[in-house]
Amino acid sequence: MTNSPYGLLLLAGIVVSLFTWTRMARKDERLILIYAVALMSAFVGAKVVYLFAEGWRDWPLPDRWLRLATGKSVLGALLGGYVGVELVKKATGYREATGNLFAFVAPIGILFGRVGCLLHGCCLGRECVPAWYALRDFSGTPRWPAVPLEIGFNVAALVAFFFLRKRPRLDGQLFHLYLIGYGVFRFVHEFQRATPTLVAGLSGYQIAALGCVVLGVWRAWVRAKAGGFLCS
């Protein structure tokens, strides 16, 4: 996998994210363990949500083992990574907020991965009429520019977090904002992506996106309450 542009960019995203994390998290060696667990649990979550959302379609295909081995979901990575971080923080007794760190690390990793998607031709949008914004797949079919829009979202998130990072009321809240914002974006944007639906016209990814929104709102409320940012 690492011989392909997608695999190389995925690896580059991990390296850049790790470099960014270590520069921002020098004050406590436990933060390296937290990052490592976050990365491992993110891969587990990415795999689980992929299997739930569309991995079941791979079984009849001749290349099913390759598809099942390489398929992953950004939404699952966010959910799995969050759970892993909370568990390792409890296990190590680390009580400081890490959300503002992950608010920069996660979009950087996702950006690299989505550039890989763009080069690899995966994560396609739905077929659409030929237009200036349409992308053509390997067969020449015009499609909604799903991957470029997601790249744009993550660039915008990084810029926004750069300006919001020093606001006291948002200490530890930036990753919660990212979960909410990305979850809403993916839920809406999923209607234009070429993914199978599971129930009530919704895809498995939309269900996972709602999970991100709920998790982000809940944890933001808990954090705000603990910091005294909510009125009694």
C-alpha atoms as a PDB file:
ATOM      1  CA  MET A   1       0.000   0.000   0.000  1.00  0.00           C
ATOM      2  CA  THR A   2       2.831   2.431   0.804  1.00  0.00           C
ATOM      3  CA  ASN A   3       4.074   2.111  -2.790  1.00  0.00           C
ATOM      4  CA  SER A   4       0.990   3.955  -4.057  1.00  0.00           C
ATOM      5  CA  PRO A   5       0.510   7.749  -3.878  1.00  0.00           C
ATOM      6  CA  TYR A   6      -2.381   7.176  -1.468  1.00  0.00           C
ATOM      7  CA  GLY A   7      -0.298   5.062   0.890  1.00  0.00           C
ATOM      8  CA  LEU A   8       2.646   7.444   0.756  1.00  0.00           C
ATOM      9  CA  LEU A   9       0.449  10.451   1.502  1.00  0.00           C
ATOM     10  CA  LEU A  10      -1.242   8.613   4.356  1.00  0.00           C
ATOM     11  CA  LEU A  11       2.184   7.877   5.825  1.00  0.00           C
ATOM     12  CA  ALA A  12       3.256  11.489   5.259  1.00  0.00           C
ATOM     13  CA  GLY A  13       0.135  12.681   7.070  1.00  0.00           C
ATOM     14  CA  ILE A  14       1.028  10.552  10.082  1.00  0.00           C
ATOM     15  CA  VAL A  15       4.610  11.836  10.091  1.00  0.00           C
ATOM     16  CA  VAL A  16       3.585  15.497   9.792  1.00  0.00           C
ATOM     17  CA  SER A  17       0.885  15.050  12.450  1.00  0.00           C
ATOM     18  CA  LEU A  18       3.394  13.427  14.788  1.00  0.00           C
ATOM     19  CA  PHE A  19       5.895  16.238  14.182  1.00  0.00           C
ATOM     20  CA  THR A  20       3.202  18.841  14.871  1.00  0.00           C
ATOM     21  CA  TRP A  21       2.099  17.011  18.013  1.00  0.00           C
ATOM     22  CA  THR A  22       5.610  16.649  19.455  1.00  0.00           C
ATOM     23  CA  ARG A  23       6.339  20.347  18.910  1.00  0.00           C
ATOM     24  CA  MET A  24       3.137  21.362  20.672  1.00  0.00           C
ATOM     25  CA  ALA A  25       3.305  18.734  23.428  1.00  0.00           C
ATOM     26  CA  ARG A  26       6.821  18.906  24.872  1.00  0.00           C
ATOM     27  CA  LYS A  27       5.814  19.515  28.484  1.00  0.00           C
ATOM     28  CA  ASP A  28       4.731  15.968  29.388  1.00  0.00           C
ATOM     29  CA  GLU A  29       6.073  12.657  28.049  1.00  0.00           C
ATOM     30  CA  ARG A  30       2.654  11.079  28.561  1.00  0.00           C
ATOM     31  CA  LEU A  31       1.433  13.068  25.580  1.00  0.00           C
ATOM     32  CA  ILE A  32       3.479  10.865  23.234  1.00  0.00           C
ATOM     33  CA  LEU A  33       1.701   7.794  24.623  1.00  0.00           C
ATOM     34  CA  ILE A  34      -1.622   9.587  24.215  1.00  0.00           C
ATOM     35  CA  TYR A  35      -0.823  10.301  20.566  1.00  0.00           C
ATOM     36  CA  ALA A  36       0.222   6.696  19.934  1.00  0.00           C
ATOM     37  CA  VAL A  37      -2.990   5.333  21.447  1.00  0.00           C
ATOM     38  CA  ALA A  38      -5.032   7.926  19.543  1.00  0.00           C
ATOM     39  CA  LEU A  39      -3.438   6.784  16.285  1.00  0.00           C
ATOM     40  CA  MET A  40      -4.038   3.078  16.952  1.00  0.00           C
ATOM     41  CA  SER A  41      -7.616   3.557  18.130  1.00  0.00           C
ATOM     42  CA  ALA A  42      -8.285   5.844  15.154  1.00  0.00           C
ATOM     43  CA  PHE A  43      -7.255   3.054  12.768  1.00  0.00           C
ATOM     44  CA  VAL A  44      -9.531   0.614  14.606  1.00  0.00           C
ATOM     45  CA  GLY A  45     -12.447   3.040  14.508  1.00  0.00           C
ATOM     46  CA  ALA A  46     -11.799   3.799  10.835  1.00  0.00           C
ATOM     47  CA  LYS A  47     -11.994   0.107   9.998  1.00  0.00           C
ATOM     48  CA  VAL A  48     -15.122  -0.575  12.071  1.00  0.00           C
ATOM     49  CA  VAL A  49     -17.128   2.288  10.562  1.00  0.00           C
ATOM     50  CA  TYR A  50     -16.018   1.362   7.040  1.00  0.00           C
ATOM     51  CA  LEU A  51     -17.181  -2.224   7.532  1.00  0.00           C
ATOM     52  CA  PHE A  52     -20.471  -0.943   8.936  1.00  0.00           C
ATOM     53  CA  ALA A  53     -21.057   1.638   6.199  1.00  0.00           C
ATOM     54  CA  GLU A  54     -20.017  -0.224   3.056  1.00  0.00           C
ATOM     55  CA  GLY A  55     -17.510  -2.996   3.748  1.00  0.00           C
ATOM     56  CA  TRP A  56     -20.305  -5.554   3.526  1.00  0.00           C
ATOM     57  CA  ARG A  57     -20.486  -4.819  -0.219  1.00  0.00           C
ATOM     58  CA  ASP A  58     -16.918  -6.026  -0.743  1.00  0.00           C
ATOM     59  CA  TRP A  59     -17.486  -9.701   0.041  1.00  0.00           C
ATOM     60  CA  PRO A  60     -18.810 -10.801  -3.400  1.00  0.00           C
ATOM     61  CA  LEU A  61     -15.983  -8.987  -5.221  1.00  0.00           C
ATOM     62  CA  PRO A  62     -12.867 -10.832  -6.424  1.00  0.00           C
ATOM     63  CA  ASP A  63     -10.549  -8.337  -4.694  1.00  0.00           C
ATOM     64  CA  ARG A  64     -12.540  -8.392  -1.437  1.00  0.00           C
ATOM     65  CA  TRP A  65      -9.559  -9.064   0.838  1.00  0.00           C
ATOM     66  CA  LEU A  66      -7.633  -6.087  -0.514  1.00  0.00           C
ATOM     67  CA  ARG A  67     -10.687  -3.849  -0.255  1.00  0.00           C
ATOM     68  CA  LEU A  68     -11.477  -5.005   3.269  1.00  0.00           C
ATOM     69  CA  ALA A  69      -7.858  -4.552   4.310  1.00  0.00           C
ATOM     70  CA  THR A  70      -7.497  -1.040   2.924  1.00  0.00           C
ATOM     71  CA  GLY A  71     -11.004   0.387   3.437  1.00  0.00           C
ATOM     72  CA  LYS A  72     -11.268   2.982   6.183  1.00  0.00           C
ATOM     73  CA  SER A  73     -13.398   5.919   7.304  1.00  0.00           C
ATOM     74  CA  VAL A  74     -12.355   9.364   8.534  1.00  0.00           C
ATOM     75  CA  LEU A  75     -15.484   9.540  10.680  1.00  0.00           C
ATOM     76  CA  GLY A  76     -14.611   6.244  12.322  1.00  0.00           C
ATOM     77  CA  ALA A  77     -11.057   7.479  12.925  1.00  0.00           C
ATOM     78  CA  LEU A  78     -12.381  10.542  14.752  1.00  0.00           C
ATOM     79  CA  LEU A  79     -14.744   8.503  16.920  1.00  0.00           C
ATOM     80  CA  GLY A  80     -12.232   5.738  17.643  1.00  0.00           C
ATOM     81  CA  GLY A  81      -9.431   8.176  18.312  1.00  0.00           C
ATOM     82  CA  TYR A  82     -11.539  10.142  20.771  1.00  0.00           C
ATOM     83  CA  VAL A  83     -12.458   7.030  22.742  1.00  0.00           C
ATOM     84  CA  GLY A  84      -8.841   5.881  22.804  1.00  0.00           C
ATOM     85  CA  VAL A  85      -7.592   9.237  24.058  1.00  0.00           C
ATOM     86  CA  GLU A  86     -10.121   9.378  26.873  1.00  0.00           C
ATOM     87  CA  LEU A  87      -9.229   5.855  28.001  1.00  0.00           C
ATOM     88  CA  VAL A  88      -5.467   6.402  27.982  1.00  0.00           C
ATOM     89  CA  LYS A  89      -5.828   9.733  29.782  1.00  0.00           C
ATOM     90  CA  LYS A  90      -7.745   8.021  32.552  1.00  0.00           C
ATOM     91  CA  ALA A  91      -5.196   5.187  32.689  1.00  0.00           C
ATOM     92  CA  THR A  92      -2.230   7.560  32.954  1.00  0.00           C
ATOM     93  CA  GLY A  93      -3.904  10.131  35.187  1.00  0.00           C
ATOM     94  CA  TYR A  94      -3.425  12.896  32.636  1.00  0.00           C
ATOM     95  CA  ARG A  95      -6.030  15.553  33.410  1.00  0.00           C
ATOM     96  CA  GLU A  96      -5.160  18.401  31.058  1.00  0.00           C
ATOM     97  CA  ALA A  97      -7.283  19.115  27.998  1.00  0.00           C
ATOM     98  CA  THR A  98      -5.819  17.834  24.712  1.00  0.00           C
ATOM     99  CA  GLY A  99      -8.616  18.979  22.424  1.00  0.00           C
ATOM    100  CA  ASN A 100      -6.825  22.053  21.118  1.00  0.00           C
ATOM    101  CA  LEU A 101      -3.818  19.932  20.134  1.00  0.00           C
ATOM    102  CA  PHE A 102      -5.922  17.359  18.292  1.00  0.00           C
ATOM    103  CA  ALA A 103      -7.883  20.150  16.592  1.00  0.00           C
ATOM    104  CA  PHE A 104      -4.740  20.878  14.577  1.00  0.00           C
ATOM    105  CA  VAL A 105      -3.346  17.357  14.278  1.00  0.00           C
ATOM    106  CA  ALA A 106      -6.549  15.694  13.003  1.00  0.00           C
ATOM    107  CA  PRO A 107      -7.266  18.042  10.062  1.00  0.00           C
ATOM    108  CA  ILE A 108      -3.618  17.888   8.967  1.00  0.00           C
ATOM    109  CA  GLY A 109      -3.724  14.090   8.821  1.00  0.00           C
ATOM    110  CA  ILE A 110      -7.087  14.126   7.053  1.00  0.00           C
ATOM    111  CA  LEU A 111      -5.814  16.657   4.501  1.00  0.00           C
ATOM    112  CA  PHE A 112      -2.958  14.383   3.488  1.00  0.00           C
ATOM    113  CA  GLY A 113      -5.313  11.419   3.285  1.00  0.00           C
ATOM    114  CA  ARG A 114      -7.802  13.275   1.113  1.00  0.00           C
ATOM    115  CA  VAL A 115      -5.103  14.434  -1.285  1.00  0.00           C
ATOM    116  CA  GLY A 116      -4.282  10.737  -1.582  1.00  0.00           C
ATOM    117  CA  CYS A 117      -7.959  10.051  -2.309  1.00  0.00           C
ATOM    118  CA  LEU A 118      -7.874  12.690  -5.038  1.00  0.00           C
ATOM    119  CA  LEU A 119      -4.834  11.099  -6.692  1.00  0.00           C
ATOM    120  CA  HIS A 120      -6.121   7.564  -6.207  1.00  0.00           C
ATOM    121  CA  GLY A 121      -9.600   8.346  -7.554  1.00  0.00           C
ATOM    122  CA  CYS A 122     -11.531   7.038  -4.544  1.00  0.00           C
ATOM    123  CA  CYS A 123     -14.250   8.519  -2.279  1.00  0.00           C
ATOM    124  CA  LEU A 124     -16.098   9.766  -5.339  1.00  0.00           C
ATOM    125  CA  GLY A 125     -19.018  12.111  -5.515  1.00  0.00           C
ATOM    126  CA  ARG A 126     -22.257  11.251  -7.306  1.00  0.00           C
ATOM    127  CA  GLU A 127     -22.549  11.523 -11.057  1.00  0.00           C
ATOM    128  CA  CYS A 128     -23.551  15.028 -12.112  1.00  0.00           C
ATOM    129  CA  VAL A 129     -24.020  17.114 -15.222  1.00  0.00           C
ATOM    130  CA  PRO A 130     -20.843  18.404 -16.855  1.00  0.00           C
ATOM    131  CA  ALA A 131     -19.934  21.692 -15.183  1.00  0.00           C
ATOM    132  CA  TRP A 132     -16.885  23.788 -14.302  1.00  0.00           C
ATOM    133  CA  TYR A 133     -16.782  22.292 -10.810  1.00  0.00           C
ATOM    134  CA  ALA A 134     -17.230  18.651 -11.832  1.00  0.00           C
ATOM    135  CA  LEU A 135     -14.407  16.124 -11.618  1.00  0.00           C
ATOM    136  CA  ARG A 136     -14.114  13.304 -14.112  1.00  0.00           C
ATOM    137  CA  ASP A 137     -13.382   9.820 -12.831  1.00  0.00           C
ATOM    138  CA  PHE A 138     -11.131   7.293 -14.587  1.00  0.00           C
ATOM    139  CA  SER A 139     -13.933   6.453 -17.028  1.00  0.00           C
ATOM    140  CA  GLY A 140     -14.545  10.114 -17.885  1.00  0.00           C
ATOM    141  CA  THR A 141     -17.846  10.419 -15.978  1.00  0.00           C
ATOM    142  CA  PRO A 142     -18.413  13.892 -14.436  1.00  0.00           C
ATOM    143  CA  ARG A 143     -18.869  13.733 -10.676  1.00  0.00           C
ATOM    144  CA  TRP A 144     -19.546  16.030  -7.753  1.00  0.00           C
ATOM    145  CA  PRO A 145     -16.165  17.253  -6.378  1.00  0.00           C
ATOM    146  CA  ALA A 146     -16.526  15.489  -3.038  1.00  0.00           C
ATOM    147  CA  VAL A 147     -12.840  15.225  -2.163  1.00  0.00           C
ATOM    148  CA  PRO A 148     -11.840  18.830  -3.057  1.00  0.00           C
ATOM    149  CA  LEU A 149     -14.706  20.157  -0.953  1.00  0.00           C
ATOM    150  CA  GLU A 150     -13.564  18.087   2.012  1.00  0.00           C
ATOM    151  CA  ILE A 151     -10.019  19.346   1.539  1.00  0.00           C
ATOM    152  CA  GLY A 152     -11.414  22.882   1.557  1.00  0.00           C
ATOM    153  CA  PHE A 153     -13.349  22.223   4.762  1.00  0.00           C
ATOM    154  CA  ASN A 154     -10.241  21.039   6.585  1.00  0.00           C
ATOM    155  CA  VAL A 155      -8.143  23.964   5.359  1.00  0.00           C
ATOM    156  CA  ALA A 156     -10.865  26.334   6.599  1.00  0.00           C
ATOM    157  CA  ALA A 157     -10.948  24.526   9.953  1.00  0.00           C
ATOM    158  CA  LEU A 158      -7.193  24.911  10.406  1.00  0.00           C
ATOM    159  CA  VAL A 159      -7.350  28.623   9.604  1.00  0.00           C
ATOM    160  CA  ALA A 160     -10.262  29.134  12.005  1.00  0.00           C
ATOM    161  CA  PHE A 161      -8.536  27.247  14.820  1.00  0.00           C
ATOM    162  CA  PHE A 162      -5.367  29.293  14.330  1.00  0.00           C
ATOM    163  CA  PHE A 163      -7.319  32.444  15.190  1.00  0.00           C
ATOM    164  CA  LEU A 164      -9.415  30.819  17.939  1.00  0.00           C
ATOM    165  CA  ARG A 165      -6.659  28.892  19.719  1.00  0.00           C
ATOM    166  CA  LYS A 166      -5.872  31.537  22.367  1.00  0.00           C
ATOM    167  CA  ARG A 167      -9.412  32.364  23.423  1.00  0.00           C
ATOM    168  CA  PRO A 168      -9.789  31.304  27.086  1.00  0.00           C
ATOM    169  CA  ARG A 169     -13.405  30.214  26.719  1.00  0.00           C
ATOM    170  CA  LEU A 170     -12.390  27.791  23.979  1.00  0.00           C
ATOM    171  CA  ASP A 171      -9.576  26.144  25.920  1.00  0.00           C
ATOM    172  CA  GLY A 172      -9.897  22.419  25.222  1.00  0.00           C
ATOM    173  CA  GLN A 173     -12.972  22.965  23.060  1.00  0.00           C
ATOM    174  CA  LEU A 174     -11.538  23.236  19.560  1.00  0.00           C
ATOM    175  CA  PHE A 175     -11.653  19.511  18.844  1.00  0.00           C
ATOM    176  CA  HIS A 176     -15.247  19.406  20.049  1.00  0.00           C
ATOM    177  CA  LEU A 177     -16.008  22.193  17.574  1.00  0.00           C
ATOM    178  CA  TYR A 178     -14.261  20.165  14.882  1.00  0.00           C
ATOM    179  CA  LEU A 179     -16.333  17.067  15.677  1.00  0.00           C
ATOM    180  CA  ILE A 180     -19.532  19.110  15.462  1.00  0.00           C
ATOM    181  CA  GLY A 181     -18.542  21.030  12.341  1.00  0.00           C
ATOM    182  CA  TYR A 182     -17.151  18.065  10.452  1.00  0.00           C
ATOM    183  CA  GLY A 183     -20.080  15.892  11.493  1.00  0.00           C
ATOM    184  CA  VAL A 184     -22.593  18.427  10.164  1.00  0.00           C
ATOM    185  CA  PHE A 185     -20.566  18.919   6.992  1.00  0.00           C
ATOM    186  CA  ARG A 186     -20.310  15.194   6.309  1.00  0.00           C
ATOM    187  CA  PHE A 187     -23.971  14.530   7.074  1.00  0.00           C
ATOM    188  CA  VAL A 188     -25.068  17.131   4.508  1.00  0.00           C
ATOM    189  CA  HIS A 189     -22.309  16.438   2.019  1.00  0.00           C
ATOM    190  CA  GLU A 190     -22.954  12.695   2.106  1.00  0.00           C
ATOM    191  CA  PHE A 191     -26.067  13.199  -0.008  1.00  0.00           C
ATOM    192  CA  GLN A 192     -23.710  14.073  -2.871  1.00  0.00           C
ATOM    193  CA  ARG A 193     -21.261  11.196  -2.323  1.00  0.00           C
ATOM    194  CA  ALA A 194     -21.477   7.831  -4.066  1.00  0.00           C
ATOM    195  CA  THR A 195     -22.018   5.702  -0.969  1.00  0.00           C
ATOM    196  CA  PRO A 196     -24.720   3.101  -0.245  1.00  0.00           C
ATOM    197  CA  THR A 197     -27.670   3.877   2.006  1.00  0.00           C
ATOM    198  CA  LEU A 198     -28.547   1.707   4.975  1.00  0.00           C
ATOM    199  CA  VAL A 199     -31.798   2.968   6.481  1.00  0.00           C
ATOM    200  CA  ALA A 200     -34.294   5.748   5.774  1.00  0.00           C
ATOM    201  CA  GLY A 201     -32.187   6.948   2.853  1.00  0.00           C
ATOM    202  CA  LEU A 202     -29.182   7.555   5.088  1.00  0.00           C
ATOM    203  CA  SER A 203     -25.745   6.039   4.644  1.00  0.00           C
ATOM    204  CA  GLY A 204     -23.686   4.444   7.371  1.00  0.00           C
ATOM    205  CA  TYR A 205     -21.379   7.433   7.163  1.00  0.00           C
ATOM    206  CA  GLN A 206     -24.253   9.788   7.899  1.00  0.00           C
ATOM    207  CA  ILE A 207     -25.065   7.770  11.001  1.00  0.00           C
ATOM    208  CA  ALA A 208     -21.412   8.030  12.044  1.00  0.00           C
ATOM    209  CA  ALA A 209     -21.491  11.769  11.270  1.00  0.00           C
ATOM    210  CA  LEU A 210     -24.449  12.185  13.614  1.00  0.00           C
ATOM    211  CA  GLY A 211     -22.421  10.283  16.201  1.00  0.00           C
ATOM    212  CA  CYS A 212     -19.624  12.852  15.834  1.00  0.00           C
ATOM    213  CA  VAL A 213     -22.075  15.717  16.289  1.00  0.00           C
ATOM    214  CA  VAL A 214     -23.657  14.167  19.382  1.00  0.00           C
ATOM    215  CA  LEU A 215     -20.263  13.342  20.895  1.00  0.00           C
ATOM    216  CA  GLY A 216     -18.950  16.834  20.176  1.00  0.00           C
ATOM    217  CA  VAL A 217     -21.987  18.607  21.656  1.00  0.00           C
ATOM    218  CA  TRP A 218     -22.044  16.386  24.740  1.00  0.00           C
ATOM    219  CA  ARG A 219     -18.329  16.710  25.482  1.00  0.00           C
ATOM    220  CA  ALA A 220     -18.355  20.454  24.780  1.00  0.00           C
ATOM    221  CA  TRP A 221     -21.183  20.840  27.292  1.00  0.00           C
ATOM    222  CA  VAL A 222     -19.330  18.767  29.894  1.00  0.00           C
ATOM    223  CA  ARG A 223     -16.148  20.780  29.336  1.00  0.00           C
ATOM    224  CA  ALA A 224     -17.969  24.105  29.499  1.00  0.00           C
ATOM    225  CA  LYS A 225     -19.774  23.093  32.680  1.00  0.00           C
ATOM    226  CA  ALA A 226     -16.520  21.986  34.330  1.00  0.00           C
ATOM    227  CA  GLY A 227     -14.852  25.258  33.360  1.00  0.00           C
ATOM    228  CA  GLY A 228     -17.703  27.382  34.652  1.00  0.00           C
ATOM    229  CA  PHE A 229     -18.635  28.657  31.190  1.00  0.00           C
ATOM    230  CA  LEU A 230     -22.322  27.747  31.550  1.00  0.00           C
ATOM    231  CA  CYS A 231     -24.802  29.751  33.570  1.00  0.00           C
ATOM    232  CA  SER A 232     -26.383  27.885  36.479  1.00  0.00           C
END
